[in-house]
Amino acid sequence: MTIKPLGDRVVIKDVETEETTKSGIILTAAAKEKPQMAEVLAVGPGGMVDGKDVKMQVTVGQKVIYSKYAGTEVKLDGEEVKIVSQKDILAIVE
């Protein structure tokens, strides 16, 4: 199944990262806070949103940092993804 966001919406998927403490203990995803870094899976067309012309600044495949409580979680083909507004994306990671 594919998902096509509308307006200034972006579909993202959290990037899973393992962290190792200084003493060598590996922290799993369950033992730490959810990451705020994600990969862009789909991007809406932009256009007129709330009376303003919105140009999309992210593209599919980019890694981004988003606001902590942003978006709506959706299960798509057994995978958890989030749909966020472009204004909730804080930075592009290069």
N, C-alpha and C. Protein backbone atom coordinates (compact mmCIF):
# COMPACT_ATOMS: atom_id res chain seq x y z
N MET A 1 0.84 -1.17 0.00
CA MET A 1 0.00 0.00 0.00
C MET A 1 0.89 1.24 0.00
N THR A 2 0.50 2.25 -0.76
CA THR A 2 1.24 3.51 -0.76
C THR A 2 0.39 4.60 -0.14
N ILE A 3 1.05 5.63 0.33
CA ILE A 3 0.34 6.74 0.95
C ILE A 3 0.83 8.02 0.30
N LYS A 4 -0.11 8.88 -0.06
CA LYS A 4 0.22 10.15 -0.71
C LYS A 4 -0.32 11.28 0.16
N PRO A 5 0.56 12.01 0.84
CA PRO A 5 0.11 13.09 1.72
C PRO A 5 -0.45 14.27 0.93
N LEU A 6 -1.35 15.01 1.56
CA LEU A 6 -1.97 16.17 0.94
C LEU A 6 -1.38 17.45 1.50
N GLY A 7 -1.46 18.52 0.73
CA GLY A 7 -1.02 19.84 1.19
C GLY A 7 0.45 19.86 1.59
N ASP A 8 0.71 20.37 2.79
CA ASP A 8 2.10 20.50 3.27
C ASP A 8 2.49 19.35 4.19
N ARG A 9 1.82 18.21 4.05
CA ARG A 9 2.11 17.06 4.92
C ARG A 9 3.27 16.23 4.38
N VAL A 10 3.98 15.57 5.32
CA VAL A 10 5.13 14.73 4.99
C VAL A 10 5.00 13.43 5.76
N VAL A 11 5.24 12.30 5.10
CA VAL A 11 5.22 11.00 5.77
C VAL A 11 6.66 10.65 6.13
N ILE A 12 6.91 10.35 7.42
CA ILE A 12 8.25 10.04 7.88
C ILE A 12 8.25 8.73 8.66
N LYS A 13 9.41 8.10 8.73
CA LYS A 13 9.58 6.88 9.52
C LYS A 13 10.80 7.08 10.40
N ASP A 14 10.63 6.81 11.70
CA ASP A 14 11.73 6.98 12.64
C ASP A 14 12.92 6.12 12.26
N VAL A 15 14.11 6.68 12.42
CA VAL A 15 15.35 5.96 12.18
C VAL A 15 15.76 5.30 13.49
N GLU A 16 15.87 3.99 13.47
CA GLU A 16 16.26 3.24 14.67
C GLU A 16 17.78 3.29 14.82
N THR A 17 18.22 3.71 15.98
CA THR A 17 19.65 3.76 16.25
C THR A 17 19.92 3.07 17.57
N GLU A 18 21.00 2.32 17.62
CA GLU A 18 21.43 1.72 18.88
C GLU A 18 22.50 2.62 19.47
N GLU A 19 22.42 2.80 20.76
CA GLU A 19 23.41 3.61 21.45
C GLU A 19 24.20 2.74 22.39
N THR A 20 25.48 3.02 22.49
CA THR A 20 26.34 2.30 23.41
C THR A 20 26.85 3.29 24.46
N THR A 21 26.73 2.91 25.72
CA THR A 21 27.23 3.76 26.79
C THR A 21 28.75 3.70 26.83
N LYS A 22 29.37 4.55 27.63
CA LYS A 22 30.83 4.57 27.75
C LYS A 22 31.37 3.25 28.26
N SER A 23 30.57 2.54 29.06
CA SER A 23 31.03 1.27 29.61
C SER A 23 30.76 0.09 28.66
N GLY A 24 30.16 0.36 27.47
CA GLY A 24 29.97 -0.69 26.48
C GLY A 24 28.60 -1.34 26.49
N ILE A 25 27.68 -0.84 27.30
CA ILE A 25 26.33 -1.40 27.35
C ILE A 25 25.52 -0.85 26.18
N ILE A 26 24.88 -1.74 25.44
CA ILE A 26 24.07 -1.32 24.29
C ILE A 26 22.65 -1.06 24.77
N LEU A 27 22.16 0.15 24.49
CA LEU A 27 20.79 0.53 24.84
C LEU A 27 19.88 0.24 23.65
N THR A 28 18.86 -0.56 23.86
CA THR A 28 17.91 -0.85 22.79
C THR A 28 16.88 0.27 22.69
N ALA A 29 16.05 0.21 21.67
CA ALA A 29 15.02 1.24 21.47
C ALA A 29 14.06 1.31 22.64
N ALA A 30 13.78 0.18 23.28
CA ALA A 30 12.84 0.16 24.40
C ALA A 30 13.41 0.83 25.65
N ALA A 31 14.73 0.88 25.75
CA ALA A 31 15.37 1.41 26.96
C ALA A 31 15.65 2.90 26.90
N LYS A 32 15.35 3.53 25.80
CA LYS A 32 15.64 4.95 25.69
C LYS A 32 14.48 5.68 25.04
N GLU A 33 14.59 6.97 25.02
CA GLU A 33 13.56 7.82 24.45
C GLU A 33 13.50 7.64 22.93
N LYS A 34 12.30 7.79 22.35
CA LYS A 34 12.16 7.67 20.90
C LYS A 34 13.02 8.72 20.20
N PRO A 35 13.60 8.36 19.07
CA PRO A 35 14.43 9.33 18.35
C PRO A 35 13.56 10.40 17.70
N GLN A 36 14.14 11.55 17.48
CA GLN A 36 13.45 12.61 16.77
C GLN A 36 14.02 12.75 15.37
N MET A 37 14.75 11.74 14.92
CA MET A 37 15.29 11.73 13.57
C MET A 37 14.51 10.71 12.76
N ALA A 38 14.20 11.08 11.52
CA ALA A 38 13.39 10.20 10.69
C ALA A 38 13.81 10.34 9.23
N GLU A 39 13.36 9.36 8.43
CA GLU A 39 13.58 9.39 6.99
C GLU A 39 12.27 9.77 6.32
N VAL A 40 12.35 10.64 5.32
CA VAL A 40 11.17 11.08 4.59
C VAL A 40 10.76 9.99 3.59
N LEU A 41 9.51 9.52 3.68
CA LEU A 41 9.00 8.48 2.78
C LEU A 41 8.15 9.05 1.66
N ALA A 42 7.40 10.12 1.93
CA ALA A 42 6.54 10.75 0.92
C ALA A 42 6.34 12.21 1.27
N VAL A 43 6.16 13.04 0.25
CA VAL A 43 6.01 14.48 0.44
C VAL A 43 4.77 14.94 -0.32
N GLY A 44 3.96 15.77 0.32
CA GLY A 44 2.78 16.34 -0.32
C GLY A 44 3.17 17.37 -1.37
N PRO A 45 2.19 17.85 -2.16
CA PRO A 45 2.49 18.78 -3.25
C PRO A 45 2.71 20.23 -2.81
N GLY A 46 2.39 20.56 -1.57
CA GLY A 46 2.50 21.95 -1.14
C GLY A 46 1.30 22.72 -1.63
N GLY A 47 1.51 23.94 -2.15
CA GLY A 47 0.41 24.75 -2.67
C GLY A 47 -0.16 25.66 -1.61
N MET A 48 -1.43 26.02 -1.76
CA MET A 48 -2.08 26.93 -0.82
C MET A 48 -2.51 26.18 0.45
N VAL A 49 -1.95 26.58 1.59
CA VAL A 49 -2.31 26.00 2.88
C VAL A 49 -2.62 27.16 3.82
N ASP A 50 -3.83 27.20 4.34
CA ASP A 50 -4.28 28.29 5.23
C ASP A 50 -4.07 29.67 4.60
N GLY A 51 -4.31 29.79 3.31
CA GLY A 51 -4.20 31.07 2.62
C GLY A 51 -2.78 31.49 2.27
N LYS A 52 -1.80 30.65 2.52
CA LYS A 52 -0.40 30.97 2.21
C LYS A 52 0.13 29.95 1.21
N ASP A 53 0.96 30.41 0.29
CA ASP A 53 1.58 29.51 -0.68
C ASP A 53 2.76 28.81 -0.02
N VAL A 54 2.70 27.48 0.07
CA VAL A 54 3.74 26.70 0.74
C VAL A 54 4.56 25.94 -0.30
N LYS A 55 5.88 26.15 -0.26
CA LYS A 55 6.80 25.42 -1.13
C LYS A 55 7.45 24.32 -0.29
N MET A 56 7.41 23.10 -0.77
CA MET A 56 7.98 21.98 -0.02
C MET A 56 9.51 22.04 -0.08
N GLN A 57 10.14 21.93 1.09
CA GLN A 57 11.59 22.04 1.19
C GLN A 57 12.27 20.72 1.45
N VAL A 58 11.51 19.66 1.65
CA VAL A 58 12.10 18.34 1.87
C VAL A 58 11.77 17.44 0.69
N THR A 59 12.61 16.42 0.49
CA THR A 59 12.38 15.46 -0.58
C THR A 59 12.47 14.05 -0.02
N VAL A 60 11.92 13.11 -0.75
CA VAL A 60 11.93 11.70 -0.33
C VAL A 60 13.36 11.22 -0.18
N GLY A 61 13.62 10.50 0.90
CA GLY A 61 14.95 9.94 1.16
C GLY A 61 15.81 10.76 2.09
N GLN A 62 15.44 12.01 2.34
CA GLN A 62 16.24 12.84 3.25
C GLN A 62 16.00 12.41 4.69
N LYS A 63 17.00 12.65 5.54
CA LYS A 63 16.87 12.42 6.97
C LYS A 63 16.58 13.79 7.60
N VAL A 64 15.60 13.81 8.49
CA VAL A 64 15.17 15.07 9.10
C VAL A 64 15.04 14.93 10.61
N ILE A 65 15.05 16.06 11.30
CA ILE A 65 14.78 16.12 12.73
C ILE A 65 13.45 16.85 12.87
N TYR A 66 12.54 16.25 13.66
CA TYR A 66 11.20 16.83 13.79
C TYR A 66 10.87 17.11 15.25
N SER A 67 9.83 17.91 15.46
CA SER A 67 9.39 18.28 16.80
C SER A 67 8.99 17.04 17.60
N LYS A 68 9.22 17.08 18.88
CA LYS A 68 9.04 15.92 19.75
C LYS A 68 7.62 15.34 19.73
N TYR A 69 6.60 16.17 19.79
CA TYR A 69 5.23 15.68 19.87
C TYR A 69 4.46 15.93 18.57
N ALA A 70 5.15 16.00 17.46
CA ALA A 70 4.52 16.32 16.18
C ALA A 70 3.89 15.10 15.53
N GLY A 71 2.88 15.36 14.74
CA GLY A 71 2.35 14.37 13.83
C GLY A 71 1.34 13.39 14.38
N THR A 72 0.89 12.55 13.46
CA THR A 72 -0.08 11.50 13.74
C THR A 72 0.53 10.18 13.37
N GLU A 73 0.54 9.23 14.31
CA GLU A 73 1.11 7.91 14.04
C GLU A 73 0.09 7.05 13.30
N VAL A 74 0.57 6.37 12.26
CA VAL A 74 -0.28 5.52 11.43
C VAL A 74 0.45 4.21 11.18
N LYS A 75 -0.28 3.09 11.17
CA LYS A 75 0.33 1.81 10.86
C LYS A 75 0.05 1.52 9.38
N LEU A 76 1.12 1.33 8.60
CA LEU A 76 1.01 1.12 7.16
C LEU A 76 1.78 -0.13 6.79
N ASP A 77 1.09 -1.15 6.34
CA ASP A 77 1.72 -2.43 6.00
C ASP A 77 2.55 -2.99 7.15
N GLY A 78 2.06 -2.84 8.37
CA GLY A 78 2.75 -3.36 9.54
C GLY A 78 3.87 -2.48 10.06
N GLU A 79 4.12 -1.35 9.43
CA GLU A 79 5.17 -0.43 9.86
C GLU A 79 4.54 0.83 10.44
N GLU A 80 5.16 1.34 11.50
CA GLU A 80 4.70 2.59 12.11
C GLU A 80 5.33 3.76 11.36
N VAL A 81 4.49 4.66 10.84
CA VAL A 81 4.96 5.89 10.20
C VAL A 81 4.22 7.05 10.83
N LYS A 82 4.74 8.26 10.61
CA LYS A 82 4.10 9.46 11.12
C LYS A 82 3.79 10.38 9.95
N ILE A 83 2.67 11.06 10.05
CA ILE A 83 2.33 12.10 9.09
C ILE A 83 2.45 13.42 9.84
N VAL A 84 3.36 14.27 9.37
CA VAL A 84 3.60 15.55 10.03
C VAL A 84 3.45 16.68 9.03
N SER A 85 3.18 17.86 9.55
CA SER A 85 3.16 19.05 8.73
C SER A 85 4.62 19.48 8.49
N GLN A 86 4.89 20.08 7.35
CA GLN A 86 6.26 20.50 7.07
C GLN A 86 6.78 21.48 8.13
N LYS A 87 5.90 22.27 8.73
CA LYS A 87 6.35 23.22 9.76
C LYS A 87 6.85 22.53 11.02
N ASP A 88 6.52 21.23 11.21
CA ASP A 88 7.00 20.48 12.36
C ASP A 88 8.38 19.87 12.13
N ILE A 89 8.89 19.99 10.91
CA ILE A 89 10.25 19.51 10.61
C ILE A 89 11.21 20.65 10.91
N LEU A 90 12.16 20.37 11.80
CA LEU A 90 13.06 21.41 12.28
C LEU A 90 14.32 21.57 11.46
N ALA A 91 14.83 20.45 10.92
CA ALA A 91 16.11 20.50 10.19
C ALA A 91 16.26 19.31 9.27
N ILE A 92 17.10 19.48 8.26
CA ILE A 92 17.48 18.39 7.36
C ILE A 92 18.88 17.98 7.76
N VAL A 93 19.11 16.67 7.95
CA VAL A 93 20.42 16.16 8.35
C VAL A 93 21.17 15.76 7.08
N GLU A 94 22.36 16.32 6.90
CA GLU A 94 23.16 16.01 5.71
C GLU A 94 24.39 15.21 6.08
